[in-house]
PDB file of N, CA and C in Angstrom:
ATOM      1  N   MET A   1       0.794  -1.205   0.000  1.00  0.00           N
ATOM      2  CA  MET A   1       0.000   0.000   0.000  1.00  0.00           C
ATOM      3  C   MET A   1       0.842   1.279   0.000  1.00  0.00           C
ATOM      4  N   PRO A   2       2.087   1.244  -0.395  1.00  0.00           N
ATOM      5  CA  PRO A   2       2.876   2.485  -0.376  1.00  0.00           C
ATOM      6  C   PRO A   2       2.346   3.557  -1.322  1.00  0.00           C
ATOM      7  N   ILE A   3       1.540   3.179  -2.292  1.00  0.00           N
ATOM      8  CA  ILE A   3       1.028   4.166  -3.239  1.00  0.00           C
ATOM      9  C   ILE A   3       0.119   5.184  -2.553  1.00  0.00           C
ATOM     10  N   PHE A   4      -0.512   4.797  -1.457  1.00  0.00           N
ATOM     11  CA  PHE A   4      -1.400   5.718  -0.746  1.00  0.00           C
ATOM     12  C   PHE A   4      -0.644   6.865  -0.088  1.00  0.00           C
ATOM     13  N   SER A   5       0.652   6.711   0.109  1.00  0.00           N
ATOM     14  CA  SER A   5       1.416   7.790   0.735  1.00  0.00           C
ATOM     15  C   SER A   5       1.440   9.037  -0.137  1.00  0.00           C
ATOM     16  N   ALA A   6       1.231   8.882  -1.431  1.00  0.00           N
ATOM     17  CA  ALA A   6       1.190  10.044  -2.324  1.00  0.00           C
ATOM     18  C   ALA A   6      -0.040  10.902  -2.068  1.00  0.00           C
ATOM     19  N   PHE A   7      -1.077  10.348  -1.461  1.00  0.00           N
ATOM     20  CA  PHE A   7      -2.290  11.102  -1.183  1.00  0.00           C
ATOM     21  C   PHE A   7      -2.201  11.919   0.102  1.00  0.00           C
ATOM     22  N   THR A   8      -1.294  11.568   0.990  1.00  0.00           N
ATOM     23  CA  THR A   8      -1.266  12.230   2.288  1.00  0.00           C
ATOM     24  C   THR A   8      -0.867  13.694   2.171  1.00  0.00           C
ATOM     25  N   PHE A   9       0.130  14.003   1.363  1.00  0.00           N
ATOM     26  CA  PHE A   9       0.610  15.380   1.253  1.00  0.00           C
ATOM     27  C   PHE A   9      -0.474  16.335   0.753  1.00  0.00           C
ATOM     28  N   PRO A  10      -1.150  16.046  -0.370  1.00  0.00           N
ATOM     29  CA  PRO A  10      -2.173  16.993  -0.831  1.00  0.00           C
ATOM     30  C   PRO A  10      -3.337  17.169   0.145  1.00  0.00           C
ATOM     31  N   PHE A  11      -3.735  16.100   0.818  1.00  0.00           N
ATOM     32  CA  PHE A  11      -4.839  16.220   1.766  1.00  0.00           C
ATOM     33  C   PHE A  11      -4.448  17.085   2.960  1.00  0.00           C
ATOM     34  N   VAL A  12      -3.267  16.888   3.485  1.00  0.00           N
ATOM     35  CA  VAL A  12      -2.826  17.666   4.641  1.00  0.00           C
ATOM     36  C   VAL A  12      -2.610  19.124   4.256  1.00  0.00           C
ATOM     37  N   ILE A  13      -1.992  19.369   3.126  1.00  0.00           N
ATOM     38  CA  ILE A  13      -1.737  20.742   2.685  1.00  0.00           C
ATOM     39  C   ILE A  13      -3.035  21.480   2.401  1.00  0.00           C
ATOM     40  N   SER A  14      -4.002  20.808   1.790  1.00  0.00           N
ATOM     41  CA  SER A  14      -5.271  21.492   1.518  1.00  0.00           C
ATOM     42  C   SER A  14      -6.026  21.792   2.806  1.00  0.00           C
ATOM     43  N   ALA A  15      -5.922  20.918   3.805  1.00  0.00           N
ATOM     44  CA  ALA A  15      -6.559  21.193   5.098  1.00  0.00           C
ATOM     45  C   ALA A  15      -5.910  22.393   5.776  1.00  0.00           C
ATOM     46  N   ILE A  16      -4.596  22.463   5.725  1.00  0.00           N
ATOM     47  CA  ILE A  16      -3.890  23.609   6.303  1.00  0.00           C
ATOM     48  C   ILE A  16      -4.262  24.899   5.567  1.00  0.00           C
ATOM     49  N   ALA A  17      -4.326  24.846   4.248  1.00  0.00           N
ATOM     50  CA  ALA A  17      -4.679  26.031   3.465  1.00  0.00           C
ATOM     51  C   ALA A  17      -6.108  26.482   3.748  1.00  0.00           C
ATOM     52  N   THR A  18      -7.016  25.538   3.928  1.00  0.00           N
ATOM     53  CA  THR A  18      -8.395  25.900   4.247  1.00  0.00           C
ATOM     54  C   THR A  18      -8.478  26.541   5.629  1.00  0.00           C
ATOM     55  N   GLY A  19      -7.720  26.035   6.570  1.00  0.00           N
ATOM     56  CA  GLY A  19      -7.673  26.642   7.904  1.00  0.00           C
ATOM     57  C   GLY A  19      -7.141  28.060   7.867  1.00  0.00           C
ATOM     58  N   GLU A  20      -6.109  28.286   7.070  1.00  0.00           N
ATOM     59  CA  GLU A  20      -5.558  29.635   6.945  1.00  0.00           C
ATOM     60  C   GLU A  20      -6.518  30.567   6.206  1.00  0.00           C
ATOM     61  N   ALA A  21      -7.240  30.033   5.216  1.00  0.00           N
ATOM     62  CA  ALA A  21      -8.236  30.841   4.506  1.00  0.00           C
ATOM     63  C   ALA A  21      -9.369  31.232   5.449  1.00  0.00           C
ATOM     64  N   TYR A  22      -9.727  30.323   6.341  1.00  0.00           N
ATOM     65  CA  TYR A  22     -10.758  30.656   7.337  1.00  0.00           C
ATOM     66  C   TYR A  22     -10.290  31.795   8.234  1.00  0.00           C
ATOM     67  N   LYS A  23      -9.039  31.729   8.670  1.00  0.00           N
ATOM     68  CA  LYS A  23      -8.507  32.801   9.514  1.00  0.00           C
ATOM     69  C   LYS A  23      -8.509  34.139   8.774  1.00  0.00           C
ATOM     70  N   PHE A  24      -8.237  34.105   7.472  1.00  0.00           N
ATOM     71  CA  PHE A  24      -8.159  35.337   6.693  1.00  0.00           C
ATOM     72  C   PHE A  24      -9.541  35.895   6.366  1.00  0.00           C
ATOM     73  N   PHE A  25     -10.448  35.031   5.859  1.00  0.00           N
ATOM     74  CA  PHE A  25     -11.760  35.491   5.420  1.00  0.00           C
ATOM     75  C   PHE A  25     -12.814  35.454   6.525  1.00  0.00           C
ATOM     76  N   GLY A  26     -12.703  34.532   7.459  1.00  0.00           N
ATOM     77  CA  GLY A  26     -13.650  34.432   8.551  1.00  0.00           C
ATOM     78  C   GLY A  26     -14.993  33.828   8.171  1.00  0.00           C
ATOM     79  N   LEU A  27     -15.053  33.083   7.089  1.00  0.00           N
ATOM     80  CA  LEU A  27     -16.307  32.465   6.666  1.00  0.00           C
ATOM     81  C   LEU A  27     -16.516  31.157   7.417  1.00  0.00           C
ATOM     82  N   ALA A  28     -17.733  30.972   7.930  1.00  0.00           N
ATOM     83  CA  ALA A  28     -18.022  29.775   8.729  1.00  0.00           C
ATOM     84  C   ALA A  28     -17.942  28.507   7.894  1.00  0.00           C
ATOM     85  N   ILE A  29     -18.274  28.590   6.621  1.00  0.00           N
ATOM     86  CA  ILE A  29     -18.221  27.402   5.747  1.00  0.00           C
ATOM     87  C   ILE A  29     -16.793  26.879   5.619  1.00  0.00           C
ATOM     88  N   LEU A  30     -15.827  27.782   5.641  1.00  0.00           N
ATOM     89  CA  LEU A  30     -14.429  27.353   5.553  1.00  0.00           C
ATOM     90  C   LEU A  30     -14.002  26.622   6.820  1.00  0.00           C
ATOM     91  N   ASN A  31     -14.535  27.044   7.956  1.00  0.00           N
ATOM     92  CA  ASN A  31     -14.209  26.362   9.206  1.00  0.00           C
ATOM     93  C   ASN A  31     -14.768  24.945   9.190  1.00  0.00           C
ATOM     94  N   ASN A  32     -15.999  24.789   8.736  1.00  0.00           N
ATOM     95  CA  ASN A  32     -16.589  23.451   8.647  1.00  0.00           C
ATOM     96  C   ASN A  32     -15.833  22.584   7.649  1.00  0.00           C
ATOM     97  N   LEU A  33     -15.473  23.160   6.523  1.00  0.00           N
ATOM     98  CA  LEU A  33     -14.713  22.430   5.507  1.00  0.00           C
ATOM     99  C   LEU A  33     -13.347  22.025   6.046  1.00  0.00           C
ATOM    100  N   PHE A  34     -12.735  22.902   6.836  1.00  0.00           N
ATOM    101  CA  PHE A  34     -11.439  22.587   7.428  1.00  0.00           C
ATOM    102  C   PHE A  34     -11.527  21.348   8.321  1.00  0.00           C
ATOM    103  N   TYR A  35     -12.556  21.277   9.167  1.00  0.00           N
ATOM    104  CA  TYR A  35     -12.684  20.126  10.057  1.00  0.00           C
ATOM    105  C   TYR A  35     -12.928  18.834   9.286  1.00  0.00           C
ATOM    106  N   ILE A  36     -13.702  18.910   8.230  1.00  0.00           N
ATOM    107  CA  ILE A  36     -13.941  17.719   7.404  1.00  0.00           C
ATOM    108  C   ILE A  36     -12.637  17.269   6.746  1.00  0.00           C
ATOM    109  N   GLN A  37     -11.898  18.222   6.182  1.00  0.00           N
ATOM    110  CA  GLN A  37     -10.629  17.889   5.532  1.00  0.00           C
ATOM    111  C   GLN A  37      -9.608  17.376   6.539  1.00  0.00           C
ATOM    112  N   ALA A  38      -9.595  17.952   7.719  1.00  0.00           N
ATOM    113  CA  ALA A  38      -8.629  17.529   8.737  1.00  0.00           C
ATOM    114  C   ALA A  38      -8.902  16.095   9.188  1.00  0.00           C
ATOM    115  N   VAL A  39     -10.153  15.743   9.336  1.00  0.00           N
ATOM    116  CA  VAL A  39     -10.492  14.370   9.733  1.00  0.00           C
ATOM    117  C   VAL A  39     -10.095  13.391   8.637  1.00  0.00           C
ATOM    118  N   ILE A  40     -10.391  13.727   7.384  1.00  0.00           N
ATOM    119  CA  ILE A  40     -10.022  12.854   6.262  1.00  0.00           C
ATOM    120  C   ILE A  40      -8.504  12.699   6.193  1.00  0.00           C
ATOM    121  N   ALA A  41      -7.779  13.811   6.332  1.00  0.00           N
ATOM    122  CA  ALA A  41      -6.320  13.765   6.274  1.00  0.00           C
ATOM    123  C   ALA A  41      -5.754  12.940   7.429  1.00  0.00           C
ATOM    124  N   LEU A  42      -6.320  13.101   8.613  1.00  0.00           N
ATOM    125  CA  LEU A  42      -5.843  12.350   9.774  1.00  0.00           C
ATOM    126  C   LEU A  42      -6.062  10.858   9.591  1.00  0.00           C
ATOM    127  N   VAL A  43      -7.233  10.483   9.132  1.00  0.00           N
ATOM    128  CA  VAL A  43      -7.524   9.058   8.898  1.00  0.00           C
ATOM    129  C   VAL A  43      -6.583   8.498   7.840  1.00  0.00           C
ATOM    130  N   LEU A  44      -6.357   9.253   6.790  1.00  0.00           N
ATOM    131  CA  LEU A  44      -5.481   8.791   5.715  1.00  0.00           C
ATOM    132  C   LEU A  44      -4.038   8.636   6.191  1.00  0.00           C
ATOM    133  N   VAL A  45      -3.549   9.588   6.961  1.00  0.00           N
ATOM    134  CA  VAL A  45      -2.167   9.508   7.467  1.00  0.00           C
ATOM    135  C   VAL A  45      -2.023   8.335   8.434  1.00  0.00           C
ATOM    136  N   ILE A  46      -3.004   8.124   9.297  1.00  0.00           N
ATOM    137  CA  ILE A  46      -2.948   6.983  10.220  1.00  0.00           C
ATOM    138  C   ILE A  46      -2.997   5.666   9.448  1.00  0.00           C
ATOM    139  N   PHE A  47      -3.854   5.588   8.435  1.00  0.00           N
ATOM    140  CA  PHE A  47      -3.961   4.383   7.621  1.00  0.00           C
ATOM    141  C   PHE A  47      -2.645   4.059   6.920  1.00  0.00           C
ATOM    142  N   VAL A  48      -2.024   5.065   6.316  1.00  0.00           N
ATOM    143  CA  VAL A  48      -0.753   4.845   5.614  1.00  0.00           C
ATOM    144  C   VAL A  48       0.352   4.492   6.600  1.00  0.00           C
ATOM    145  N   SER A  49       0.395   5.167   7.730  1.00  0.00           N
ATOM    146  CA  SER A  49       1.421   4.859   8.740  1.00  0.00           C
ATOM    147  C   SER A  49       1.275   3.444   9.270  1.00  0.00           C
ATOM    148  N   TYR A  50       0.038   3.039   9.523  1.00  0.00           N
ATOM    149  CA  TYR A  50      -0.216   1.678   9.999  1.00  0.00           C
ATOM    150  C   TYR A  50       0.241   0.645   8.965  1.00  0.00           C
ATOM    151  N   ASN A  51      -0.082   0.877   7.703  1.00  0.00           N
ATOM    152  CA  ASN A  51       0.317  -0.084   6.669  1.00  0.00           C
ATOM    153  C   ASN A  51       1.825  -0.121   6.466  1.00  0.00           C
ATOM    154  N   TYR A  52       2.489   1.027   6.595  1.00  0.00           N
ATOM    155  CA  TYR A  52       3.950   1.018   6.529  1.00  0.00           C
ATOM    156  C   TYR A  52       4.540   0.242   7.701  1.00  0.00           C
ATOM    157  N   LEU A  53       3.981   0.410   8.870  1.00  0.00           N
ATOM    158  CA  LEU A  53       4.478  -0.309  10.039  1.00  0.00           C
ATOM    159  C   LEU A  53       4.321  -1.818   9.854  1.00  0.00           C
ATOM    160  N   ILE A  54       3.180  -2.238   9.379  1.00  0.00           N
ATOM    161  CA  ILE A  54       2.947  -3.671   9.113  1.00  0.00           C
ATOM    162  C   ILE A  54       3.935  -4.175   8.057  1.00  0.00           C
ATOM    163  N   PHE A  55       4.135  -3.383   7.009  1.00  0.00           N
ATOM    164  CA  PHE A  55       5.080  -3.757   5.947  1.00  0.00           C
ATOM    165  C   PHE A  55       6.485  -3.914   6.483  1.00  0.00           C
ATOM    166  N   LEU A  56       6.916  -2.990   7.337  1.00  0.00           N
ATOM    167  CA  LEU A  56       8.266  -3.042   7.886  1.00  0.00           C
ATOM    168  C   LEU A  56       8.438  -4.193   8.874  1.00  0.00           C
ATOM    169  N   LEU A  57       7.399  -4.507   9.605  1.00  0.00           N
ATOM    170  CA  LEU A  57       7.503  -5.610  10.551  1.00  0.00           C
ATOM    171  C   LEU A  57       7.529  -6.961   9.866  1.00  0.00           C
ATOM    172  N   LYS A  58       6.927  -7.074   8.697  1.00  0.00           N
ATOM    173  CA  LYS A  58       6.953  -8.326   7.941  1.00  0.00           C
ATOM    174  C   LYS A  58       8.312  -8.562   7.288  1.00  0.00           C
ATOM    175  N   SER A  59       9.016  -7.478   6.990  1.00  0.00           N
ATOM    176  CA  SER A  59      10.294  -7.613   6.285  1.00  0.00           C
ATOM    177  C   SER A  59      11.385  -8.166   7.150  1.00  0.00           C
TER     178      SER A  59
END
């Protein structure tokens, strides 16, 4: 599953950018979008980290 690691960077960066856009514009929709993106990014990073750990332990 190492191919999924390519998805972690764009998801995390877009969540950070949405959070910064919320701070700049102050729109409530951006805050809600930030939390949704942050949860997706967190789940994805944990999933990839877990699979890398399993891969390394099998080797």
